[in-house]
């Protein structure tokens, strides 16, 4: 059997992906499949950190609109990510995977506070670490949190598991002529205003030279395929 292509990965899972076909709440069949695949990755010796979104419950200012103060709306989004982190942790534990949840906002009764050295120690011991509450700051997305945590834990790659199978030249749902990229540079993503991650997250990954692999979570097995080096989705990287 071939060796994994990556030693330490940061997996970003959107809240919407965890909701499955329903679009809201939690689909435990989807989470169960994701947990099963993560267990396979850990069995191969891959160290896995996870950042979860919260859009299946609350998307911060996008849901609050002009009816809520932005900071409070974003704090509600951070709490939504914690719900998802605890759900994923529970299903992983049911699959006999050791896991720790760390949150950027301290809530000791339910999770560890985020401490970089402790997170790395957990990873080195083969535990999956799930990072909740985004960066702990309003005005920053969970995509930005994923890049930040990836940089802090020195991840080899960011695995961006979304509801689309790659980066396209335009929205494939609206433009039938949209072309999917096998690979693209950070600069191209920014200059074309492509909806991969927000510009802050893209710039941060570019500044820290962290490659990003975007692929569809519709088939959770894609996580394992990417970890093992298969060319799935779109690779966002530096200019060579």
Foldseek 3Di string as FASTA:
>chain_A
DFAWPWAEEEEEEEQQQQCPPVSADGDVVLLLLLLVLVVVCLVSNHQYEYEYWQRNYADQCVVCPPVDDRFVSLQVRLVSRVVVLLSSCVSNVVVVAAEFEEECDDDPVRHHHDDLVVSLVCSVVSHYYYYTSQNVGTPDGNLLSSLVSCLSNVTQAYEYADQAAAWWLDPCVVDVPIDGALEEELVCCVVSVTVPDPNNSSVSCQVSFHKYFYGYSPPSNVVVCVRRPHRTYYIYGHDD
